[in-house]
Each structure stands twice: as structure tokens, then as C-alpha cells.
N, C-alpha and C. Protein backbone atom coordinates (compact mmCIF):
# COMPACT_ATOMS: atom_id res chain seq x y z
N MET A 1 1.47 14.98 3.73
CA MET A 1 0.90 13.67 3.63
C MET A 1 1.60 12.76 4.63
N ILE A 2 0.85 11.92 5.29
CA ILE A 2 1.39 10.92 6.19
C ILE A 2 1.14 9.56 5.56
N LEU A 3 2.20 8.81 5.39
CA LEU A 3 2.10 7.48 4.81
C LEU A 3 2.51 6.47 5.86
N THR A 4 1.59 5.62 6.26
CA THR A 4 1.88 4.60 7.26
C THR A 4 1.81 3.24 6.59
N THR A 5 2.90 2.49 6.65
CA THR A 5 2.90 1.16 6.05
C THR A 5 2.75 0.07 7.10
N GLY A 6 2.85 0.43 8.39
CA GLY A 6 2.67 -0.54 9.46
C GLY A 6 3.59 -1.72 9.29
N GLN A 7 3.03 -2.90 9.20
CA GLN A 7 3.84 -4.10 9.04
C GLN A 7 4.26 -4.31 7.60
N ARG A 8 3.88 -3.42 6.72
CA ARG A 8 4.22 -3.53 5.30
C ARG A 8 5.51 -2.77 5.00
N THR A 9 6.51 -2.90 5.85
CA THR A 9 7.74 -2.13 5.69
C THR A 9 8.54 -2.57 4.47
N ASP A 10 8.26 -3.74 3.92
CA ASP A 10 8.97 -4.17 2.72
C ASP A 10 8.51 -3.42 1.47
N ILE A 11 7.36 -2.78 1.51
CA ILE A 11 6.86 -2.06 0.34
C ILE A 11 7.81 -0.93 -0.06
N PRO A 12 8.13 0.02 0.84
CA PRO A 12 9.06 1.07 0.43
C PRO A 12 10.47 0.54 0.14
N ALA A 13 10.88 -0.50 0.85
CA ALA A 13 12.23 -1.02 0.69
C ALA A 13 12.42 -1.76 -0.64
N PHE A 14 11.45 -2.57 -1.04
CA PHE A 14 11.61 -3.42 -2.21
C PHE A 14 10.80 -2.99 -3.43
N PHE A 15 9.81 -2.11 -3.24
CA PHE A 15 8.95 -1.70 -4.35
C PHE A 15 8.80 -0.18 -4.40
N PRO A 16 9.89 0.58 -4.35
CA PRO A 16 9.75 2.05 -4.30
C PRO A 16 9.11 2.66 -5.54
N GLU A 17 9.41 2.13 -6.72
CA GLU A 17 8.82 2.67 -7.95
C GLU A 17 7.32 2.41 -7.98
N TRP A 18 6.91 1.21 -7.59
CA TRP A 18 5.48 0.88 -7.55
C TRP A 18 4.76 1.80 -6.58
N LEU A 19 5.35 2.00 -5.39
CA LEU A 19 4.74 2.85 -4.38
C LEU A 19 4.62 4.29 -4.87
N ALA A 20 5.67 4.80 -5.51
CA ALA A 20 5.63 6.17 -6.04
C ALA A 20 4.54 6.31 -7.09
N ASN A 21 4.36 5.31 -7.95
CA ASN A 21 3.31 5.36 -8.97
C ASN A 21 1.92 5.35 -8.33
N ARG A 22 1.73 4.54 -7.28
CA ARG A 22 0.43 4.50 -6.60
C ARG A 22 0.12 5.85 -5.96
N ILE A 23 1.12 6.48 -5.36
CA ILE A 23 0.90 7.78 -4.73
C ILE A 23 0.55 8.81 -5.79
N LYS A 24 1.24 8.78 -6.93
CA LYS A 24 0.95 9.72 -8.03
C LYS A 24 -0.46 9.54 -8.55
N GLU A 25 -0.92 8.27 -8.63
CA GLU A 25 -2.27 7.99 -9.12
C GLU A 25 -3.33 8.31 -8.06
N GLY A 26 -2.92 8.43 -6.82
CA GLY A 26 -3.84 8.84 -5.77
C GLY A 26 -4.53 7.74 -5.01
N PHE A 27 -4.17 6.48 -5.25
CA PHE A 27 -4.82 5.42 -4.49
C PHE A 27 -3.97 4.15 -4.47
N VAL A 28 -4.26 3.32 -3.49
CA VAL A 28 -3.64 2.01 -3.35
C VAL A 28 -4.71 1.07 -2.84
N LEU A 29 -4.81 -0.11 -3.41
CA LEU A 29 -5.70 -1.12 -2.87
C LEU A 29 -4.91 -1.93 -1.85
N VAL A 30 -5.49 -2.10 -0.66
CA VAL A 30 -4.81 -2.79 0.43
C VAL A 30 -5.60 -4.02 0.82
N ARG A 31 -4.94 -5.16 0.80
CA ARG A 31 -5.60 -6.40 1.18
C ARG A 31 -5.63 -6.51 2.70
N ASN A 32 -6.78 -6.89 3.22
CA ASN A 32 -6.97 -7.04 4.66
C ASN A 32 -6.40 -8.40 5.08
N PRO A 33 -5.42 -8.44 6.00
CA PRO A 33 -4.81 -9.72 6.38
C PRO A 33 -5.77 -10.67 7.10
N TYR A 34 -6.83 -10.13 7.71
CA TYR A 34 -7.78 -10.98 8.41
C TYR A 34 -8.88 -11.50 7.48
N PHE A 35 -9.15 -10.77 6.40
CA PHE A 35 -10.14 -11.16 5.41
C PHE A 35 -9.49 -11.04 4.03
N PRO A 36 -8.70 -12.04 3.61
CA PRO A 36 -7.89 -11.93 2.39
C PRO A 36 -8.69 -11.67 1.11
N ASN A 37 -9.98 -11.96 1.11
CA ASN A 37 -10.78 -11.69 -0.09
C ASN A 37 -11.28 -10.26 -0.15
N PHE A 38 -10.95 -9.47 0.87
CA PHE A 38 -11.41 -8.09 0.95
C PHE A 38 -10.23 -7.15 0.72
N ALA A 39 -10.39 -6.23 -0.21
CA ALA A 39 -9.36 -5.22 -0.46
C ALA A 39 -10.02 -3.85 -0.34
N SER A 40 -9.41 -2.97 0.41
CA SER A 40 -9.95 -1.63 0.57
C SER A 40 -9.09 -0.63 -0.16
N GLN A 41 -9.71 0.47 -0.58
CA GLN A 41 -8.99 1.51 -1.27
C GLN A 41 -8.45 2.51 -0.25
N SER A 42 -7.17 2.83 -0.38
CA SER A 42 -6.56 3.80 0.53
C SER A 42 -6.16 5.02 -0.23
């Protein structure tokens, strides 16, 4: 598996348990910085 956080480098640093749970559940909703009302499933 390849996990790219891009500019979201604070996620693994400050929220490792949350990130591990999202990976176990198989998805993460990601908010689009250019369209804040839009969230895509990753």
C-alpha cells in the first residue's frame, strides 16, 4: 500500500491512532482545499 499525505503531514504526526483506524476501516474522507464543501472518499 502507498499512502500519500502530501501537505497533510500533520496527520501521521499528530493523529496516528485516527489514521490507523481509517486504514483498518478501508476509507478516509478527504476535504478538497479548493472546494471546502466537497469531500471525496479515498
